[in-house]
Amino acid sequence: GGGIKDGKKFKAVQTGGPSGGCIPEE
């Protein structure tokens, strides 16, 4: 994916659509 846009810090990724969970950096 090339990392986060505009040099911002990653916070979370949500997998599984509206029913998925938000996964933090750790």
PDB file of all heavy atoms in Angstrom:
ATOM      1  N   GLY A   1       0.795  -1.231   0.000  1.00  0.00           N
ATOM      2  CA  GLY A   1       0.000   0.000   0.000  1.00  0.00           C
ATOM      3  C   GLY A   1       0.823   1.274   0.000  1.00  0.00           C
ATOM      4  O   GLY A   1       0.286   2.362  -0.219  1.00  0.00           O
ATOM      5  N   GLY A   2       2.123   1.171   0.279  1.00  0.00           N
ATOM      6  CA  GLY A   2       2.984   2.357   0.239  1.00  0.00           C
ATOM      7  C   GLY A   2       2.929   3.231   1.474  1.00  0.00           C
ATOM      8  O   GLY A   2       3.467   4.337   1.478  1.00  0.00           O
ATOM      9  N   GLY A   3       2.262   2.768   2.530  1.00  0.00           N
ATOM     10  CA  GLY A   3       2.216   3.546   3.762  1.00  0.00           C
ATOM     11  C   GLY A   3       1.105   4.581   3.785  1.00  0.00           C
ATOM     12  O   GLY A   3       0.240   4.626   2.912  1.00  0.00           O
ATOM     13  N   ILE A   4       1.155   5.436   4.782  1.00  0.00           N
ATOM     14  CA  ILE A   4       0.079   6.408   5.019  1.00  0.00           C
ATOM     15  C   ILE A   4       0.295   7.662   4.176  1.00  0.00           C
ATOM     16  O   ILE A   4       1.424   8.142   4.023  1.00  0.00           O
ATOM     17  CB  ILE A   4       0.014   6.783   6.513  1.00  0.00           C
ATOM     18  CG1 ILE A   4       0.008   5.505   7.379  1.00  0.00           C
ATOM     19  CG2 ILE A   4      -1.224   7.623   6.801  1.00  0.00           C
ATOM     20  CD1 ILE A   4      -1.078   4.522   7.044  1.00  0.00           C
ATOM     21  N   LYS A   5      -0.783   8.188   3.656  1.00  0.00           N
ATOM     22  CA  LYS A   5      -0.725   9.389   2.801  1.00  0.00           C
ATOM     23  C   LYS A   5      -0.233  10.611   3.579  1.00  0.00           C
ATOM     24  O   LYS A   5      -0.473  10.744   4.775  1.00  0.00           O
ATOM     25  CB  LYS A   5      -2.118   9.692   2.227  1.00  0.00           C
ATOM     26  CG  LYS A   5      -2.603   8.693   1.198  1.00  0.00           C
ATOM     27  CD  LYS A   5      -4.019   8.973   0.788  1.00  0.00           C
ATOM     28  CE  LYS A   5      -4.146  10.249   0.002  1.00  0.00           C
ATOM     29  NZ  LYS A   5      -5.515  10.447  -0.512  1.00  0.00           N
ATOM     30  N   ASP A   6       0.463  11.499   2.847  1.00  0.00           N
ATOM     31  CA  ASP A   6       0.881  12.815   3.360  1.00  0.00           C
ATOM     32  C   ASP A   6       1.766  12.723   4.600  1.00  0.00           C
ATOM     33  O   ASP A   6       1.817  13.667   5.405  1.00  0.00           O
ATOM     34  CB  ASP A   6      -0.350  13.689   3.670  1.00  0.00           C
ATOM     35  CG  ASP A   6      -1.267  13.856   2.459  1.00  0.00           C
ATOM     36  OD1 ASP A   6      -0.726  13.985   1.342  1.00  0.00           O
ATOM     37  OD2 ASP A   6      -2.493  13.844   2.634  1.00  0.00           O
ATOM     38  N   GLY A   7       2.446  11.600   4.777  1.00  0.00           N
ATOM     39  CA  GLY A   7       3.369  11.463   5.891  1.00  0.00           C
ATOM     40  C   GLY A   7       2.709  11.419   7.258  1.00  0.00           C
ATOM     41  O   GLY A   7       3.376  11.612   8.278  1.00  0.00           O
ATOM     42  N   LYS A   8       1.417  11.146   7.298  1.00  0.00           N
ATOM     43  CA  LYS A   8       0.694  11.094   8.577  1.00  0.00           C
ATOM     44  C   LYS A   8       1.030   9.803   9.324  1.00  0.00           C
ATOM     45  O   LYS A   8       1.601   8.863   8.768  1.00  0.00           O
ATOM     46  CB  LYS A   8      -0.812  11.174   8.341  1.00  0.00           C
ATOM     47  CG  LYS A   8      -1.281  12.454   7.665  1.00  0.00           C
ATOM     48  CD  LYS A   8      -1.436  13.578   8.660  1.00  0.00           C
ATOM     49  CE  LYS A   8      -2.072  14.796   8.013  1.00  0.00           C
ATOM     50  NZ  LYS A   8      -2.308  15.879   8.969  1.00  0.00           N
ATOM     51  N   LYS A   9       0.640   9.740  10.580  1.00  0.00           N
ATOM     52  CA  LYS A   9       0.910   8.577  11.417  1.00  0.00           C
ATOM     53  C   LYS A   9      -0.245   7.578  11.309  1.00  0.00           C
ATOM     54  O   LYS A   9      -1.414   7.955  11.360  1.00  0.00           O
ATOM     55  CB  LYS A   9       1.093   9.019  12.870  1.00  0.00           C
ATOM     56  CG  LYS A   9       1.586   7.920  13.803  1.00  0.00           C
ATOM     57  CD  LYS A   9       1.820   8.497  15.202  1.00  0.00           C
ATOM     58  CE  LYS A   9       2.397   7.441  16.141  1.00  0.00           C
ATOM     59  NZ  LYS A   9       1.523   6.278  16.335  1.00  0.00           N
ATOM     60  N   PHE A  10       0.095   6.302  11.168  1.00  0.00           N
ATOM     61  CA  PHE A  10      -0.915   5.250  11.144  1.00  0.00           C
ATOM     62  C   PHE A  10      -1.637   5.191  12.487  1.00  0.00           C
ATOM     63  O   PHE A  10      -1.014   5.301  13.543  1.00  0.00           O
ATOM     64  CB  PHE A  10      -0.254   3.899  10.853  1.00  0.00           C
ATOM     65  CG  PHE A  10      -1.182   2.717  11.000  1.00  0.00           C
ATOM     66  CD1 PHE A  10      -1.972   2.306   9.945  1.00  0.00           C
ATOM     67  CD2 PHE A  10      -1.276   2.025  12.206  1.00  0.00           C
ATOM     68  CE1 PHE A  10      -2.837   1.217  10.081  1.00  0.00           C
ATOM     69  CE2 PHE A  10      -2.139   0.947  12.356  1.00  0.00           C
ATOM     70  CZ  PHE A  10      -2.910   0.541  11.286  1.00  0.00           C
ATOM     71  N   LYS A  11      -2.959   4.997  12.436  1.00  0.00           N
ATOM     72  CA  LYS A  11      -3.726   4.894  13.668  1.00  0.00           C
ATOM     73  C   LYS A  11      -4.428   3.551  13.803  1.00  0.00           C
ATOM     74  O   LYS A  11      -4.362   2.901  14.843  1.00  0.00           O
ATOM     75  CB  LYS A  11      -4.756   6.018  13.755  1.00  0.00           C
ATOM     76  CG  LYS A  11      -5.432   6.104  15.120  1.00  0.00           C
ATOM     77  CD  LYS A  11      -6.231   7.402  15.235  1.00  0.00           C
ATOM     78  CE  LYS A  11      -6.659   7.691  16.647  1.00  0.00           C
ATOM     79  NZ  LYS A  11      -7.373   8.974  16.754  1.00  0.00           N
ATOM     80  N   ALA A  12      -5.121   3.131  12.758  1.00  0.00           N
ATOM     81  CA  ALA A  12      -5.861   1.861  12.825  1.00  0.00           C
ATOM     82  C   ALA A  12      -6.214   1.398  11.422  1.00  0.00           C
ATOM     83  O   ALA A  12      -6.186   2.174  10.472  1.00  0.00           O
ATOM     84  CB  ALA A  12      -7.136   2.028  13.661  1.00  0.00           C
ATOM     85  N   VAL A  13      -6.536   0.118  11.309  1.00  0.00           N
ATOM     86  CA  VAL A  13      -7.069  -0.422  10.061  1.00  0.00           C
ATOM     87  C   VAL A  13      -8.313  -1.226  10.413  1.00  0.00           C
ATOM     88  O   VAL A  13      -8.328  -1.971  11.389  1.00  0.00           O
ATOM     89  CB  VAL A  13      -6.034  -1.296   9.311  1.00  0.00           C
ATOM     90  CG1 VAL A  13      -5.548  -2.458  10.180  1.00  0.00           C
ATOM     91  CG2 VAL A  13      -6.622  -1.822   7.999  1.00  0.00           C
ATOM     92  N   GLN A  14      -9.345  -1.014   9.636  1.00  0.00           N
ATOM     93  CA  GLN A  14     -10.596  -1.722   9.865  1.00  0.00           C
ATOM     94  C   GLN A  14     -10.748  -2.801   8.806  1.00  0.00           C
ATOM     95  O   GLN A  14     -10.710  -2.516   7.610  1.00  0.00           O
ATOM     96  CB  GLN A  14     -11.780  -0.755   9.820  1.00  0.00           C
ATOM     97  CG  GLN A  14     -13.011  -1.315  10.499  1.00  0.00           C
ATOM     98  CD  GLN A  14     -14.193  -1.464   9.573  1.00  0.00           C
ATOM     99  OE1 GLN A  14     -14.019  -1.465   8.357  1.00  0.00           O
ATOM    100  NE2 GLN A  14     -15.376  -1.601  10.113  1.00  0.00           N
ATOM    101  N   THR A  15     -10.850  -4.064   9.230  1.00  0.00           N
ATOM    102  CA  THR A  15     -11.020  -5.172   8.293  1.00  0.00           C
ATOM    103  C   THR A  15     -12.427  -5.736   8.426  1.00  0.00           C
ATOM    104  O   THR A  15     -13.037  -5.657   9.487  1.00  0.00           O
ATOM    105  CB  THR A  15     -10.001  -6.299   8.559  1.00  0.00           C
ATOM    106  OG1 THR A  15     -10.274  -6.879   9.842  1.00  0.00           O
ATOM    107  CG2 THR A  15      -8.577  -5.777   8.539  1.00  0.00           C
ATOM    108  N   GLY A  16     -12.942  -6.278   7.339  1.00  0.00           N
ATOM    109  CA  GLY A  16     -14.228  -6.960   7.414  1.00  0.00           C
ATOM    110  C   GLY A  16     -15.450  -6.104   7.172  1.00  0.00           C
ATOM    111  O   GLY A  16     -16.563  -6.518   7.483  1.00  0.00           O
ATOM    112  N   GLY A  17     -15.265  -4.902   6.643  1.00  0.00           N
ATOM    113  CA  GLY A  17     -16.420  -4.069   6.345  1.00  0.00           C
ATOM    114  C   GLY A  17     -17.063  -3.478   7.595  1.00  0.00           C
ATOM    115  O   GLY A  17     -16.440  -3.426   8.652  1.00  0.00           O
ATOM    116  N   PRO A  18     -18.323  -3.050   7.499  1.00  0.00           N
ATOM    117  CA  PRO A  18     -19.000  -2.396   8.631  1.00  0.00           C
ATOM    118  C   PRO A  18     -19.101  -3.291   9.860  1.00  0.00           C
ATOM    119  O   PRO A  18     -19.292  -2.804  10.970  1.00  0.00           O
ATOM    120  CB  PRO A  18     -20.401  -2.088   8.087  1.00  0.00           C
ATOM    121  CG  PRO A  18     -20.272  -2.162   6.610  1.00  0.00           C
ATOM    122  CD  PRO A  18     -19.188  -3.144   6.313  1.00  0.00           C
ATOM    123  N   SER A  19     -18.965  -4.605   9.659  1.00  0.00           N
ATOM    124  CA  SER A  19     -19.075  -5.544  10.776  1.00  0.00           C
ATOM    125  C   SER A  19     -17.716  -5.944  11.335  1.00  0.00           C
ATOM    126  O   SER A  19     -17.634  -6.826  12.188  1.00  0.00           O
ATOM    127  CB  SER A  19     -19.825  -6.800  10.321  1.00  0.00           C
ATOM    128  OG  SER A  19     -21.086  -6.466   9.794  1.00  0.00           O
ATOM    129  N   GLY A  20     -16.663  -5.319  10.857  1.00  0.00           N
ATOM    130  CA  GLY A  20     -15.321  -5.678  11.302  1.00  0.00           C
ATOM    131  C   GLY A  20     -14.848  -4.837  12.467  1.00  0.00           C
ATOM    132  O   GLY A  20     -15.536  -3.925  12.924  1.00  0.00           O
ATOM    133  N   GLY A  21     -13.643  -5.150  12.933  1.00  0.00           N
ATOM    134  CA  GLY A  21     -13.066  -4.424  14.052  1.00  0.00           C
ATOM    135  C   GLY A  21     -11.970  -3.489  13.603  1.00  0.00           C
ATOM    136  O   GLY A  21     -11.400  -3.651  12.525  1.00  0.00           O
ATOM    137  N   CYS A  22     -11.667  -2.492  14.434  1.00  0.00           N
ATOM    138  CA  CYS A  22     -10.598  -1.536  14.159  1.00  0.00           C
ATOM    139  C   CYS A  22      -9.337  -1.992  14.889  1.00  0.00           C
ATOM    140  O   CYS A  22      -9.329  -2.103  16.119  1.00  0.00           O
ATOM    141  CB  CYS A  22     -11.013  -0.131  14.609  1.00  0.00           C
ATOM    142  SG  CYS A  22     -12.432   0.513  13.684  1.00  0.00           S
ATOM    143  N   ILE A  23      -8.278  -2.248  14.135  1.00  0.00           N
ATOM    144  CA  ILE A  23      -7.059  -2.844  14.670  1.00  0.00           C
ATOM    145  C   ILE A  23      -5.989  -1.768  14.832  1.00  0.00           C
ATOM    146  O   ILE A  23      -5.641  -1.089  13.854  1.00  0.00           O
ATOM    147  CB  ILE A  23      -6.554  -3.958  13.732  1.00  0.00           C
ATOM    148  CG1 ILE A  23      -7.648  -5.018  13.534  1.00  0.00           C
ATOM    149  CG2 ILE A  23      -5.282  -4.590  14.270  1.00  0.00           C
ATOM    150  CD1 ILE A  23      -7.369  -5.999  12.409  1.00  0.00           C
ATOM    151  N   PRO A  24      -5.419  -1.586  16.041  1.00  0.00           N
ATOM    152  CA  PRO A  24      -4.431  -0.529  16.276  1.00  0.00           C
ATOM    153  C   PRO A  24      -3.026  -0.928  15.815  1.00  0.00           C
ATOM    154  O   PRO A  24      -2.783  -2.069  15.397  1.00  0.00           O
ATOM    155  CB  PRO A  24      -4.480  -0.346  17.787  1.00  0.00           C
ATOM    156  CG  PRO A  24      -4.837  -1.701  18.305  1.00  0.00           C
ATOM    157  CD  PRO A  24      -5.761  -2.315  17.287  1.00  0.00           C
ATOM    158  N   GLU A  25      -2.098   0.021  15.938  1.00  0.00           N
ATOM    159  CA  GLU A  25      -0.725  -0.152  15.441  1.00  0.00           C
ATOM    160  C   GLU A  25      -0.020  -1.337  16.075  1.00  0.00           C
ATOM    161  O   GLU A  25       0.792  -2.007  15.422  1.00  0.00           O
ATOM    162  CB  GLU A  25       0.067   1.131  15.704  1.00  0.00           C
ATOM    163  CG  GLU A  25       1.451   1.130  15.096  1.00  0.00           C
ATOM    164  CD  GLU A  25       2.160   2.465  15.267  1.00  0.00           C
ATOM    165  OE1 GLU A  25       1.753   3.259  16.127  1.00  0.00           O
ATOM    166  OE2 GLU A  25       3.127   2.698  14.523  1.00  0.00           O
ATOM    167  N   GLU A  26      -0.290  -1.636  17.323  1.00  0.00           N
ATOM    168  CA  GLU A  26       0.427  -2.707  18.018  1.00  0.00           C
ATOM    169  C   GLU A  26       0.202  -4.079  17.396  1.00  0.00           C
ATOM    170  O   GLU A  26       0.976  -5.021  17.643  1.00  0.00           O
ATOM    171  CB  GLU A  26       0.023  -2.741  19.496  1.00  0.00           C
ATOM    172  CG  GLU A  26      -1.444  -3.047  19.722  1.00  0.00           C
ATOM    173  CD  GLU A  26      -1.875  -2.872  21.177  1.00  0.00           C
ATOM    174  OE1 GLU A  26      -1.645  -3.790  21.986  1.00  0.00           O
ATOM    175  OE2 GLU A  26      -2.437  -1.793  21.483  1.00  0.00           O
TER     176      GLU A  26
END
